[in-house]
N, C-alpha and C. Protein backbone atom coordinates (compact mmCIF):
# COMPACT_ATOMS: atom_id res chain seq x y z
N MET A 1 46.43 4.30 126.10
CA MET A 1 47.18 3.22 125.48
C MET A 1 47.96 2.41 126.52
N PHE A 2 48.62 3.11 127.46
CA PHE A 2 49.38 2.44 128.50
C PHE A 2 48.74 2.73 129.85
N THR A 3 48.58 1.69 130.67
CA THR A 3 47.94 1.85 131.97
C THR A 3 48.79 1.17 133.05
N LEU A 4 48.54 1.55 134.31
CA LEU A 4 49.16 0.90 135.45
C LEU A 4 48.19 -0.14 135.99
N SER A 5 48.68 -1.36 136.20
CA SER A 5 47.85 -2.43 136.75
C SER A 5 48.56 -3.02 137.96
N GLU A 6 47.79 -3.19 139.06
CA GLU A 6 48.35 -3.76 140.28
C GLU A 6 48.02 -5.25 140.36
N LEU A 7 49.03 -6.05 140.65
CA LEU A 7 48.86 -7.50 140.75
C LEU A 7 49.50 -8.01 142.03
N GLU A 8 49.10 -9.22 142.42
CA GLU A 8 49.74 -9.92 143.52
C GLU A 8 50.06 -11.33 143.05
N ASP A 9 51.25 -11.81 143.35
CA ASP A 9 51.65 -13.14 142.91
C ASP A 9 52.61 -13.74 143.93
N LYS A 10 52.73 -15.06 143.90
CA LYS A 10 53.70 -15.76 144.73
C LYS A 10 54.98 -15.95 143.92
N VAL A 11 56.10 -15.59 144.53
CA VAL A 11 57.39 -15.59 143.84
C VAL A 11 58.34 -16.55 144.55
N ARG A 12 59.01 -17.38 143.76
CA ARG A 12 59.98 -18.36 144.28
C ARG A 12 61.39 -17.91 143.92
N ILE A 13 62.24 -17.71 144.93
CA ILE A 13 63.62 -17.29 144.72
C ILE A 13 64.52 -18.51 144.90
N GLU A 14 65.27 -18.84 143.87
CA GLU A 14 66.15 -20.00 143.91
C GLU A 14 67.27 -19.80 144.94
N PRO A 15 67.78 -20.89 145.51
CA PRO A 15 68.84 -20.78 146.52
C PRO A 15 70.04 -19.95 146.05
N ALA A 16 70.42 -20.08 144.79
CA ALA A 16 71.58 -19.34 144.28
C ALA A 16 71.37 -17.83 144.28
N GLU A 17 70.11 -17.38 144.35
CA GLU A 17 69.79 -15.96 144.30
C GLU A 17 69.56 -15.35 145.68
N LEU A 18 69.64 -16.14 146.73
CA LEU A 18 69.29 -15.65 148.07
C LEU A 18 70.30 -14.66 148.61
N GLY A 19 71.49 -14.60 148.03
CA GLY A 19 72.48 -13.63 148.48
C GLY A 19 72.23 -12.22 147.97
N ARG A 20 71.35 -12.07 147.00
CA ARG A 20 71.03 -10.75 146.45
C ARG A 20 70.06 -10.02 147.37
N PRO A 21 70.00 -8.67 147.31
CA PRO A 21 68.92 -7.96 148.02
C PRO A 21 67.56 -8.51 147.59
N THR A 22 66.66 -8.69 148.56
CA THR A 22 65.38 -9.33 148.27
C THR A 22 64.63 -8.65 147.14
N ILE A 23 64.59 -7.32 147.15
CA ILE A 23 63.81 -6.62 146.12
C ILE A 23 64.40 -6.86 144.73
N ASP A 24 65.73 -6.96 144.63
CA ASP A 24 66.35 -7.22 143.33
C ASP A 24 66.02 -8.63 142.83
N ALA A 25 66.10 -9.59 143.75
CA ALA A 25 65.80 -10.98 143.37
C ALA A 25 64.34 -11.14 142.97
N VAL A 26 63.46 -10.51 143.73
CA VAL A 26 62.02 -10.57 143.43
C VAL A 26 61.72 -9.90 142.09
N THR A 27 62.30 -8.73 141.86
CA THR A 27 62.08 -8.01 140.61
C THR A 27 62.53 -8.83 139.41
N ALA A 28 63.67 -9.51 139.53
CA ALA A 28 64.18 -10.32 138.42
C ALA A 28 63.22 -11.45 138.08
N VAL A 29 62.63 -12.09 139.10
CA VAL A 29 61.69 -13.18 138.85
C VAL A 29 60.41 -12.65 138.20
N ILE A 30 59.90 -11.52 138.69
CA ILE A 30 58.68 -10.95 138.11
C ILE A 30 58.91 -10.55 136.65
N GLU A 31 60.09 -9.99 136.36
CA GLU A 31 60.40 -9.65 134.96
C GLU A 31 60.37 -10.89 134.08
N GLN A 32 60.95 -11.97 134.58
CA GLN A 32 60.97 -13.22 133.81
C GLN A 32 59.57 -13.76 133.58
N LEU A 33 58.71 -13.61 134.58
CA LEU A 33 57.35 -14.15 134.49
C LEU A 33 56.43 -13.30 133.62
N TYR A 34 56.63 -11.97 133.63
CA TYR A 34 55.62 -11.09 133.06
C TYR A 34 56.08 -10.24 131.87
N LEU A 35 57.35 -9.89 131.80
CA LEU A 35 57.78 -8.93 130.79
C LEU A 35 57.55 -9.45 129.38
N ASP A 36 56.95 -8.60 128.54
CA ASP A 36 56.64 -8.92 127.13
C ASP A 36 55.64 -10.05 126.99
N LYS A 37 54.86 -10.30 128.02
CA LYS A 37 53.82 -11.33 127.96
C LYS A 37 52.45 -10.68 128.15
N VAL A 38 51.42 -11.36 127.63
CA VAL A 38 50.05 -10.87 127.76
C VAL A 38 49.42 -11.46 129.02
N VAL A 39 48.88 -10.58 129.86
CA VAL A 39 48.10 -11.00 131.02
C VAL A 39 46.63 -10.91 130.63
N SER A 40 45.93 -12.02 130.73
CA SER A 40 44.54 -12.06 130.27
C SER A 40 43.70 -10.99 130.95
N ASP A 41 42.92 -10.29 130.14
CA ASP A 41 42.01 -9.22 130.58
C ASP A 41 42.74 -7.95 131.04
N LEU A 42 44.07 -7.93 130.93
CA LEU A 42 44.82 -6.72 131.27
C LEU A 42 45.51 -6.16 130.02
N GLY A 43 46.41 -6.93 129.44
CA GLY A 43 47.10 -6.46 128.25
C GLY A 43 48.53 -6.95 128.21
N LEU A 44 49.33 -6.34 127.33
CA LEU A 44 50.73 -6.71 127.15
C LEU A 44 51.59 -5.96 128.15
N VAL A 45 52.38 -6.71 128.93
CA VAL A 45 53.23 -6.10 129.95
C VAL A 45 54.46 -5.48 129.28
N VAL A 46 54.64 -4.18 129.50
CA VAL A 46 55.76 -3.44 128.91
C VAL A 46 56.93 -3.37 129.87
N THR A 47 56.66 -3.09 131.15
CA THR A 47 57.73 -3.00 132.14
C THR A 47 57.12 -3.08 133.54
N ILE A 48 57.97 -3.33 134.53
CA ILE A 48 57.55 -3.26 135.93
C ILE A 48 57.68 -1.81 136.38
N TYR A 49 56.61 -1.28 136.98
CA TYR A 49 56.63 0.11 137.45
C TYR A 49 57.25 0.20 138.84
N ASP A 50 56.75 -0.61 139.77
CA ASP A 50 57.35 -0.64 141.10
C ASP A 50 56.88 -1.87 141.88
N ILE A 51 57.57 -2.14 142.99
CA ILE A 51 57.19 -3.20 143.93
C ILE A 51 56.53 -2.53 145.13
N LEU A 52 55.30 -2.92 145.44
CA LEU A 52 54.55 -2.28 146.51
C LEU A 52 54.76 -2.95 147.87
N ASP A 53 54.85 -4.28 147.88
CA ASP A 53 54.92 -4.98 149.15
C ASP A 53 55.49 -6.38 148.94
N ILE A 54 56.34 -6.80 149.89
CA ILE A 54 56.91 -8.15 149.87
C ILE A 54 56.67 -8.78 151.23
N GLN A 55 55.99 -9.91 151.23
CA GLN A 55 55.70 -10.62 152.48
C GLN A 55 56.20 -12.06 152.37
N GLY A 56 56.53 -12.63 153.53
CA GLY A 56 56.92 -14.04 153.56
C GLY A 56 58.41 -14.22 153.58
N GLY A 57 58.89 -15.10 152.74
CA GLY A 57 60.31 -15.44 152.72
C GLY A 57 60.56 -16.82 153.31
N SER A 58 59.51 -17.63 153.37
CA SER A 58 59.64 -18.97 153.93
C SER A 58 60.58 -19.81 153.08
N ILE A 59 61.48 -20.53 153.76
CA ILE A 59 62.41 -21.42 153.06
C ILE A 59 62.09 -22.85 153.47
N TYR A 60 61.82 -23.69 152.47
CA TYR A 60 61.51 -25.08 152.73
C TYR A 60 62.79 -25.91 152.66
N ALA A 61 63.03 -26.68 153.71
CA ALA A 61 64.27 -27.45 153.82
C ALA A 61 64.46 -28.41 152.65
N SER A 62 63.36 -28.90 152.11
CA SER A 62 63.45 -29.89 151.04
C SER A 62 63.97 -29.32 149.73
N GLU A 63 63.88 -27.98 149.55
CA GLU A 63 64.30 -27.40 148.28
C GLU A 63 65.24 -26.22 148.44
N GLY A 64 65.21 -25.53 149.57
CA GLY A 64 66.14 -24.43 149.81
C GLY A 64 65.75 -23.11 149.19
N ALA A 65 64.63 -23.05 148.45
CA ALA A 65 64.18 -21.81 147.82
C ALA A 65 63.32 -21.01 148.80
N ALA A 66 63.30 -19.70 148.60
CA ALA A 66 62.48 -18.81 149.44
C ALA A 66 61.21 -18.43 148.67
N HIS A 67 60.10 -18.37 149.39
CA HIS A 67 58.81 -18.09 148.78
C HIS A 67 58.23 -16.81 149.37
N TYR A 68 57.87 -15.88 148.49
CA TYR A 68 57.33 -14.58 148.89
C TYR A 68 55.97 -14.34 148.23
N THR A 69 55.14 -13.54 148.90
CA THR A 69 53.93 -13.00 148.29
C THR A 69 54.20 -11.53 147.99
N VAL A 70 54.08 -11.16 146.73
CA VAL A 70 54.52 -9.83 146.29
C VAL A 70 53.37 -9.08 145.63
N LYS A 71 53.20 -7.81 146.01
CA LYS A 71 52.29 -6.90 145.32
C LYS A 71 53.15 -5.95 144.49
N PHE A 72 52.76 -5.75 143.23
CA PHE A 72 53.57 -4.92 142.34
C PHE A 72 52.67 -4.28 141.29
N ARG A 73 53.24 -3.26 140.62
CA ARG A 73 52.50 -2.60 139.54
C ARG A 73 53.26 -2.74 138.23
N LEU A 74 52.49 -2.95 137.17
CA LEU A 74 53.03 -3.15 135.83
C LEU A 74 52.52 -2.06 134.89
N VAL A 75 53.36 -1.65 133.96
CA VAL A 75 52.91 -0.81 132.85
C VAL A 75 52.42 -1.74 131.75
N VAL A 76 51.16 -1.58 131.37
CA VAL A 76 50.51 -2.52 130.46
C VAL A 76 50.00 -1.78 129.22
N PHE A 77 50.22 -2.38 128.07
CA PHE A 77 49.68 -1.84 126.82
C PHE A 77 48.32 -2.47 126.56
N ARG A 78 47.31 -1.62 126.52
CA ARG A 78 45.97 -2.03 126.14
C ARG A 78 45.21 -0.79 125.66
N PRO A 79 45.09 -0.61 124.34
CA PRO A 79 44.44 0.59 123.84
C PRO A 79 42.95 0.63 124.19
N PHE A 80 42.42 1.83 124.32
CA PHE A 80 41.01 1.97 124.64
C PHE A 80 40.17 2.01 123.35
N ILE A 81 38.91 1.66 123.47
CA ILE A 81 38.01 1.66 122.32
C ILE A 81 37.89 3.08 121.77
N GLY A 82 38.08 3.22 120.48
CA GLY A 82 38.01 4.53 119.84
C GLY A 82 39.36 5.20 119.67
N GLU A 83 40.41 4.64 120.28
CA GLU A 83 41.74 5.22 120.16
C GLU A 83 42.28 5.06 118.74
N LEU A 84 43.05 6.05 118.29
CA LEU A 84 43.69 5.99 116.97
C LEU A 84 45.11 5.46 117.13
N LEU A 85 45.47 4.49 116.29
CA LEU A 85 46.81 3.92 116.27
C LEU A 85 47.36 3.98 114.86
N VAL A 86 48.67 4.04 114.75
CA VAL A 86 49.33 3.98 113.44
C VAL A 86 50.27 2.79 113.45
N GLY A 87 50.07 1.88 112.49
CA GLY A 87 50.92 0.70 112.38
C GLY A 87 51.37 0.50 110.96
N ARG A 88 51.83 -0.70 110.68
CA ARG A 88 52.38 -1.03 109.37
C ARG A 88 51.71 -2.30 108.85
N LEU A 89 51.22 -2.25 107.60
CA LEU A 89 50.51 -3.38 107.02
C LEU A 89 51.50 -4.53 106.76
N THR A 90 51.20 -5.71 107.30
CA THR A 90 52.13 -6.84 107.17
C THR A 90 51.55 -8.02 106.39
N LYS A 91 50.22 -8.10 106.27
CA LYS A 91 49.64 -9.27 105.61
C LYS A 91 48.22 -8.93 105.16
N CYS A 92 47.83 -9.48 104.00
CA CYS A 92 46.46 -9.37 103.51
C CYS A 92 45.93 -10.76 103.18
N ASP A 93 44.67 -11.00 103.46
CA ASP A 93 43.99 -12.20 102.98
C ASP A 93 42.52 -11.87 102.79
N LYS A 94 41.73 -12.86 102.44
CA LYS A 94 40.33 -12.61 102.13
C LYS A 94 39.55 -12.09 103.33
N THR A 95 40.03 -12.37 104.53
CA THR A 95 39.30 -11.97 105.74
C THR A 95 39.56 -10.53 106.14
N GLY A 96 40.66 -9.95 105.65
CA GLY A 96 40.99 -8.58 106.02
C GLY A 96 42.49 -8.33 105.95
N VAL A 97 42.98 -7.37 106.73
CA VAL A 97 44.40 -7.03 106.71
C VAL A 97 44.97 -7.09 108.13
N HIS A 98 46.26 -7.42 108.20
CA HIS A 98 46.96 -7.54 109.48
C HIS A 98 47.99 -6.42 109.59
N VAL A 99 48.11 -5.88 110.79
CA VAL A 99 48.94 -4.69 111.01
C VAL A 99 49.87 -4.94 112.19
N SER A 100 51.09 -4.43 112.09
CA SER A 100 52.06 -4.49 113.18
C SER A 100 52.26 -3.10 113.76
N LEU A 101 52.38 -3.03 115.10
CA LEU A 101 52.75 -1.78 115.76
C LEU A 101 54.24 -1.79 116.11
N ASP A 102 54.97 -2.75 115.56
CA ASP A 102 56.39 -3.01 115.81
C ASP A 102 56.62 -3.70 117.16
N PHE A 103 56.07 -3.16 118.25
CA PHE A 103 56.23 -3.84 119.53
C PHE A 103 55.06 -4.79 119.81
N PHE A 104 54.03 -4.75 118.97
CA PHE A 104 52.86 -5.62 119.10
C PHE A 104 52.37 -5.97 117.70
N GLU A 105 52.25 -7.28 117.43
CA GLU A 105 52.01 -7.73 116.05
C GLU A 105 50.56 -8.08 115.73
N ASP A 106 49.73 -8.29 116.73
CA ASP A 106 48.42 -8.90 116.50
C ASP A 106 47.30 -7.86 116.42
N VAL A 107 47.33 -7.10 115.33
CA VAL A 107 46.28 -6.11 115.03
C VAL A 107 45.60 -6.56 113.74
N PHE A 108 44.28 -6.63 113.77
CA PHE A 108 43.53 -7.14 112.62
C PHE A 108 42.42 -6.18 112.25
N ILE A 109 42.30 -5.92 110.95
CA ILE A 109 41.20 -5.10 110.41
C ILE A 109 40.38 -6.01 109.52
N PRO A 110 39.15 -6.38 109.95
CA PRO A 110 38.34 -7.30 109.14
C PRO A 110 37.84 -6.64 107.86
N ASP A 111 37.46 -7.46 106.90
CA ASP A 111 37.06 -6.94 105.58
C ASP A 111 35.92 -5.93 105.67
N HIS A 112 34.97 -6.15 106.59
CA HIS A 112 33.82 -5.25 106.67
C HIS A 112 34.19 -3.89 107.27
N ALA A 113 35.41 -3.78 107.83
CA ALA A 113 35.84 -2.51 108.44
C ALA A 113 36.79 -1.74 107.53
N LEU A 114 36.91 -2.18 106.26
CA LEU A 114 37.67 -1.44 105.26
C LEU A 114 36.76 -0.42 104.58
N PRO A 115 37.32 0.59 103.90
CA PRO A 115 36.47 1.57 103.22
C PRO A 115 35.59 0.89 102.18
N ALA A 116 34.36 1.36 102.05
CA ALA A 116 33.44 0.76 101.09
C ALA A 116 33.40 1.60 99.81
N PRO A 117 33.42 0.91 98.65
CA PRO A 117 33.56 -0.54 98.47
C PRO A 117 35.03 -0.94 98.35
N SER A 118 35.42 -1.99 99.05
CA SER A 118 36.77 -2.52 98.95
C SER A 118 36.73 -3.94 98.39
N PHE A 119 37.79 -4.31 97.68
CA PHE A 119 37.84 -5.62 97.02
C PHE A 119 39.21 -6.25 97.24
N PHE A 120 39.21 -7.58 97.32
CA PHE A 120 40.46 -8.32 97.46
C PHE A 120 40.89 -8.85 96.11
N ASP A 121 42.08 -8.47 95.66
CA ASP A 121 42.64 -8.94 94.40
C ASP A 121 43.50 -10.18 94.69
N GLU A 122 43.00 -11.35 94.30
CA GLU A 122 43.71 -12.59 94.63
C GLU A 122 45.05 -12.68 93.91
N ALA A 123 45.14 -12.17 92.70
CA ALA A 123 46.41 -12.23 91.95
C ALA A 123 47.49 -11.41 92.65
N GLU A 124 47.11 -10.23 93.15
CA GLU A 124 48.06 -9.36 93.84
C GLU A 124 48.20 -9.73 95.31
N GLY A 125 47.16 -10.38 95.84
CA GLY A 125 47.15 -10.67 97.27
C GLY A 125 46.99 -9.42 98.11
N LEU A 126 46.28 -8.42 97.56
CA LEU A 126 46.12 -7.13 98.23
C LEU A 126 44.67 -6.66 98.15
N TRP A 127 44.31 -5.79 99.08
CA TRP A 127 43.01 -5.12 99.05
C TRP A 127 43.15 -3.75 98.38
N PHE A 128 42.05 -3.32 97.75
CA PHE A 128 42.01 -1.94 97.26
C PHE A 128 40.62 -1.36 97.49
N TRP A 129 40.61 -0.07 97.67
CA TRP A 129 39.36 0.69 97.84
C TRP A 129 39.07 1.35 96.49
N LYS A 130 37.87 1.14 95.98
CA LYS A 130 37.49 1.73 94.71
C LYS A 130 36.91 3.11 94.97
N PHE A 131 37.70 4.13 94.67
CA PHE A 131 37.31 5.52 94.95
C PHE A 131 37.21 6.28 93.63
N GLU A 132 35.98 6.70 93.30
CA GLU A 132 35.72 7.41 92.03
C GLU A 132 36.31 6.62 90.86
N GLU A 133 36.01 5.31 90.85
CA GLU A 133 36.42 4.38 89.79
C GLU A 133 37.92 4.13 89.74
N GLN A 134 38.68 4.67 90.69
CA GLN A 134 40.12 4.44 90.73
C GLN A 134 40.46 3.51 91.90
N PRO A 135 41.35 2.52 91.67
CA PRO A 135 41.74 1.65 92.78
C PRO A 135 42.76 2.33 93.69
N MET A 136 42.47 2.36 94.97
CA MET A 136 43.39 2.89 95.98
C MET A 136 43.91 1.67 96.75
N TRP A 137 45.17 1.29 96.49
CA TRP A 137 45.70 0.04 97.01
C TRP A 137 46.21 0.18 98.44
N LEU A 138 46.02 -0.90 99.19
CA LEU A 138 46.65 -1.04 100.49
C LEU A 138 47.90 -1.89 100.28
N GLU A 139 49.04 -1.25 100.26
CA GLU A 139 50.29 -1.92 99.92
C GLU A 139 51.00 -2.43 101.17
N MET A 140 51.79 -3.50 101.00
CA MET A 140 52.59 -4.03 102.10
C MET A 140 53.53 -2.96 102.64
N ASP A 141 53.66 -2.91 103.95
CA ASP A 141 54.52 -1.97 104.67
C ASP A 141 53.98 -0.55 104.67
N ASP A 142 52.77 -0.34 104.10
CA ASP A 142 52.13 0.97 104.22
C ASP A 142 51.93 1.33 105.69
N ALA A 143 52.13 2.60 106.01
CA ALA A 143 51.73 3.11 107.33
C ALA A 143 50.22 3.24 107.34
N ILE A 144 49.56 2.61 108.30
CA ILE A 144 48.10 2.55 108.37
C ILE A 144 47.61 3.22 109.64
N ARG A 145 46.67 4.15 109.48
CA ARG A 145 46.02 4.76 110.65
C ARG A 145 44.67 4.07 110.85
N LEU A 146 44.42 3.57 112.06
CA LEU A 146 43.19 2.82 112.33
C LEU A 146 42.56 3.26 113.64
N ARG A 147 41.27 2.96 113.76
CA ARG A 147 40.57 3.22 115.01
C ARG A 147 40.29 1.89 115.70
N VAL A 148 40.60 1.82 116.99
CA VAL A 148 40.40 0.59 117.75
C VAL A 148 38.92 0.35 117.99
N LYS A 149 38.45 -0.83 117.61
CA LYS A 149 37.06 -1.22 117.80
C LYS A 149 36.88 -2.26 118.90
N GLY A 150 37.95 -2.96 119.23
CA GLY A 150 37.83 -3.98 120.27
C GLY A 150 39.19 -4.56 120.62
N VAL A 151 39.28 -5.16 121.80
CA VAL A 151 40.47 -5.89 122.24
C VAL A 151 39.99 -7.25 122.72
N LYS A 152 40.49 -8.31 122.08
CA LYS A 152 40.08 -9.67 122.40
C LYS A 152 41.20 -10.41 123.12
N PHE A 153 40.82 -11.15 124.17
CA PHE A 153 41.76 -12.03 124.87
C PHE A 153 41.34 -13.47 124.61
N ARG A 154 42.33 -14.33 124.35
CA ARG A 154 42.03 -15.72 123.99
C ARG A 154 42.80 -16.67 124.89
N LYS A 155 42.19 -17.81 125.14
CA LYS A 155 42.87 -18.88 125.88
C LYS A 155 43.58 -19.78 124.90
N ALA A 156 44.75 -20.27 125.30
CA ALA A 156 45.52 -21.16 124.44
C ALA A 156 44.74 -22.44 124.18
N PRO A 157 44.77 -22.96 122.94
CA PRO A 157 44.06 -24.20 122.64
C PRO A 157 44.69 -25.38 123.36
N ASN A 158 43.86 -26.34 123.77
CA ASN A 158 44.40 -27.52 124.43
C ASN A 158 44.83 -28.57 123.38
N ALA A 159 45.43 -29.65 123.86
CA ALA A 159 45.97 -30.67 122.95
C ALA A 159 44.89 -31.30 122.09
N GLN A 160 43.70 -31.54 122.66
CA GLN A 160 42.62 -32.16 121.90
C GLN A 160 42.17 -31.25 120.76
N GLN A 161 42.09 -29.93 121.02
CA GLN A 161 41.70 -28.99 119.97
C GLN A 161 42.74 -28.95 118.86
N LEU A 162 44.03 -29.02 119.24
CA LEU A 162 45.07 -29.00 118.22
C LEU A 162 45.04 -30.25 117.36
N ARG A 163 44.73 -31.41 117.98
CA ARG A 163 44.63 -32.64 117.20
C ARG A 163 43.49 -32.53 116.19
N SER A 164 42.36 -31.95 116.63
CA SER A 164 41.22 -31.77 115.73
C SER A 164 41.59 -30.82 114.59
N ALA A 165 42.37 -29.80 114.92
CA ALA A 165 42.73 -28.81 113.91
C ALA A 165 43.73 -29.33 112.90
N SER A 166 44.39 -30.46 113.21
CA SER A 166 45.36 -31.02 112.27
C SER A 166 44.68 -31.70 111.09
N GLU A 167 43.37 -31.89 111.16
CA GLU A 167 42.63 -32.46 110.04
C GLU A 167 42.60 -31.44 108.89
N PRO A 168 42.40 -31.89 107.65
CA PRO A 168 42.47 -30.97 106.51
C PRO A 168 41.58 -29.76 106.64
N SER A 169 40.42 -29.90 107.29
CA SER A 169 39.50 -28.76 107.39
C SER A 169 39.76 -27.91 108.63
N GLY A 170 40.75 -28.30 109.45
CA GLY A 170 40.98 -27.60 110.71
C GLY A 170 41.52 -26.19 110.50
N ASP A 171 40.99 -25.23 111.21
CA ASP A 171 41.47 -23.85 111.15
C ASP A 171 41.42 -23.27 112.55
N MET A 172 41.97 -24.00 113.52
CA MET A 172 41.94 -23.62 114.92
C MET A 172 43.00 -22.58 115.24
N LEU A 173 42.78 -21.87 116.34
CA LEU A 173 43.84 -21.07 116.91
C LEU A 173 45.00 -21.99 117.28
N GLY A 174 46.22 -21.57 116.96
CA GLY A 174 47.38 -22.37 117.29
C GLY A 174 47.89 -23.20 116.14
N THR A 175 47.23 -23.11 114.99
CA THR A 175 47.71 -23.82 113.79
C THR A 175 48.42 -22.82 112.88
N ALA A 176 49.12 -23.36 111.87
CA ALA A 176 49.83 -22.49 110.94
C ALA A 176 48.86 -21.57 110.20
N ALA A 177 47.65 -22.07 109.94
CA ALA A 177 46.66 -21.26 109.22
C ALA A 177 46.08 -20.15 110.10
N ASN A 178 46.11 -20.36 111.39
CA ASN A 178 45.52 -19.40 112.32
C ASN A 178 46.32 -19.38 113.61
N PRO A 179 47.50 -18.73 113.60
CA PRO A 179 48.37 -18.75 114.78
C PRO A 179 47.69 -18.19 116.02
N PHE A 180 48.06 -18.76 117.16
CA PHE A 180 47.47 -18.32 118.42
C PHE A 180 48.03 -16.96 118.84
N ALA A 181 47.14 -16.04 119.17
CA ALA A 181 47.53 -14.74 119.71
C ALA A 181 46.74 -14.53 121.00
N PRO A 182 47.40 -14.41 122.14
CA PRO A 182 46.67 -14.27 123.41
C PRO A 182 45.87 -12.98 123.51
N MET A 183 46.28 -11.95 122.76
CA MET A 183 45.53 -10.70 122.71
C MET A 183 45.51 -10.21 121.28
N GLN A 184 44.35 -9.79 120.81
CA GLN A 184 44.23 -9.26 119.46
C GLN A 184 43.47 -7.94 119.49
N ILE A 185 44.03 -6.95 118.82
CA ILE A 185 43.36 -5.65 118.66
C ILE A 185 42.59 -5.70 117.34
N VAL A 186 41.32 -5.36 117.39
CA VAL A 186 40.49 -5.31 116.18
C VAL A 186 40.26 -3.84 115.83
N GLY A 187 40.61 -3.48 114.60
CA GLY A 187 40.51 -2.08 114.20
C GLY A 187 39.61 -1.87 112.99
N ALA A 188 39.45 -0.61 112.62
CA ALA A 188 38.65 -0.24 111.45
C ALA A 188 39.31 0.94 110.76
N VAL A 189 39.15 1.00 109.42
CA VAL A 189 39.70 2.11 108.64
C VAL A 189 38.64 2.65 107.69
N ASP A 190 37.38 2.58 108.11
CA ASP A 190 36.27 2.95 107.23
C ASP A 190 35.75 4.36 107.49
N GLU A 191 36.65 5.27 107.90
CA GLU A 191 36.29 6.67 108.11
C GLU A 191 37.28 7.55 107.36
N ASP A 192 36.88 8.79 107.07
CA ASP A 192 37.80 9.76 106.48
C ASP A 192 39.02 9.93 107.38
N GLY A 193 40.19 9.96 106.77
CA GLY A 193 41.42 10.16 107.52
C GLY A 193 42.07 8.87 107.98
N LEU A 194 41.35 7.75 107.81
CA LEU A 194 41.91 6.46 108.22
C LEU A 194 42.36 5.67 107.00
N GLY A 195 43.14 4.62 107.24
CA GLY A 195 43.70 3.82 106.16
C GLY A 195 45.15 4.22 105.93
N PRO A 196 45.71 3.91 104.76
CA PRO A 196 47.09 4.29 104.47
C PRO A 196 47.30 5.79 104.65
N VAL A 197 48.29 6.15 105.43
CA VAL A 197 48.56 7.56 105.70
C VAL A 197 48.84 8.31 104.40
N SER A 198 49.44 7.63 103.42
CA SER A 198 49.79 8.28 102.14
C SER A 198 48.56 8.78 101.40
N TRP A 199 47.40 8.11 101.58
CA TRP A 199 46.18 8.57 100.89
C TRP A 199 45.87 10.01 101.28
N TRP A 200 45.93 10.27 102.56
CA TRP A 200 45.50 11.57 103.08
C TRP A 200 46.62 12.60 102.99
N ASP A 201 47.88 12.18 103.00
CA ASP A 201 48.97 13.11 102.78
C ASP A 201 48.89 13.70 101.39
N GLN A 202 48.50 12.87 100.41
CA GLN A 202 48.36 13.35 99.04
C GLN A 202 47.24 14.39 98.95
N ASP A 203 46.13 14.12 99.66
CA ASP A 203 45.02 15.07 99.65
C ASP A 203 45.44 16.40 100.26
N ASP A 204 46.19 16.32 101.39
CA ASP A 204 46.62 17.55 102.05
C ASP A 204 47.55 18.36 101.15
N ALA A 205 48.45 17.62 100.44
CA ALA A 205 49.38 18.32 99.54
C ALA A 205 48.63 18.99 98.40
N ALA A 206 47.60 18.34 97.87
CA ALA A 206 46.81 18.92 96.78
C ALA A 206 46.09 20.17 97.26
N GLU A 207 45.53 20.13 98.48
CA GLU A 207 44.84 21.30 99.01
C GLU A 207 45.79 22.47 99.20
N ASP A 208 47.04 22.17 99.64
CA ASP A 208 48.01 23.24 99.82
C ASP A 208 48.36 23.89 98.49
N MET A 209 48.43 23.10 97.40
CA MET A 209 48.75 23.63 96.10
C MET A 209 47.63 24.55 95.60
N VAL A 210 46.37 24.14 95.84
CA VAL A 210 45.23 24.96 95.43
C VAL A 210 45.21 26.27 96.20
N ALA A 211 45.49 26.18 97.49
CA ALA A 211 45.49 27.38 98.32
C ALA A 211 46.60 28.35 97.88
């Protein structure tokens, strides 16, 4: 779920910060640039692990800032394929269900990855799994256990794409209908033991009573 990733970047230290120890000033800039942000093809940055190397320190007379080349390691959140996660159901629509991990919001379970047969009730705005002729509802704020099927990274839409998406039929990334998420986890709950945790807790309790 969490990995160490090594990066190199150029860091600019403002004149007002030059009185601080170099490593402290550099760390503060890297935190501002990376903390709680998604790095494409890596994942969500949770924290800085350490600073490996600092080179440079050139100061340009025209601006007074110092420029360094820094190698550092980050703790990054990026689940592996097949990993089990537990989140909270936050939204349902015809395309599937959306789940929050509290520290990461962009988890999506498409309709085809729900237990079969599942149906979307438009009046309730919820999905349910029809099990032995009984509806098993996926309720808002339910704790959901899912299996990771993929991790997608997306580029932010440009201005021309957003203008096109403002038309009535537009459904682009970055619009209210389809908010932009730089990283999206795609999950599935179509196996025994997956889906709302309460479904399986009830089964376990029933088995204990029989035993």
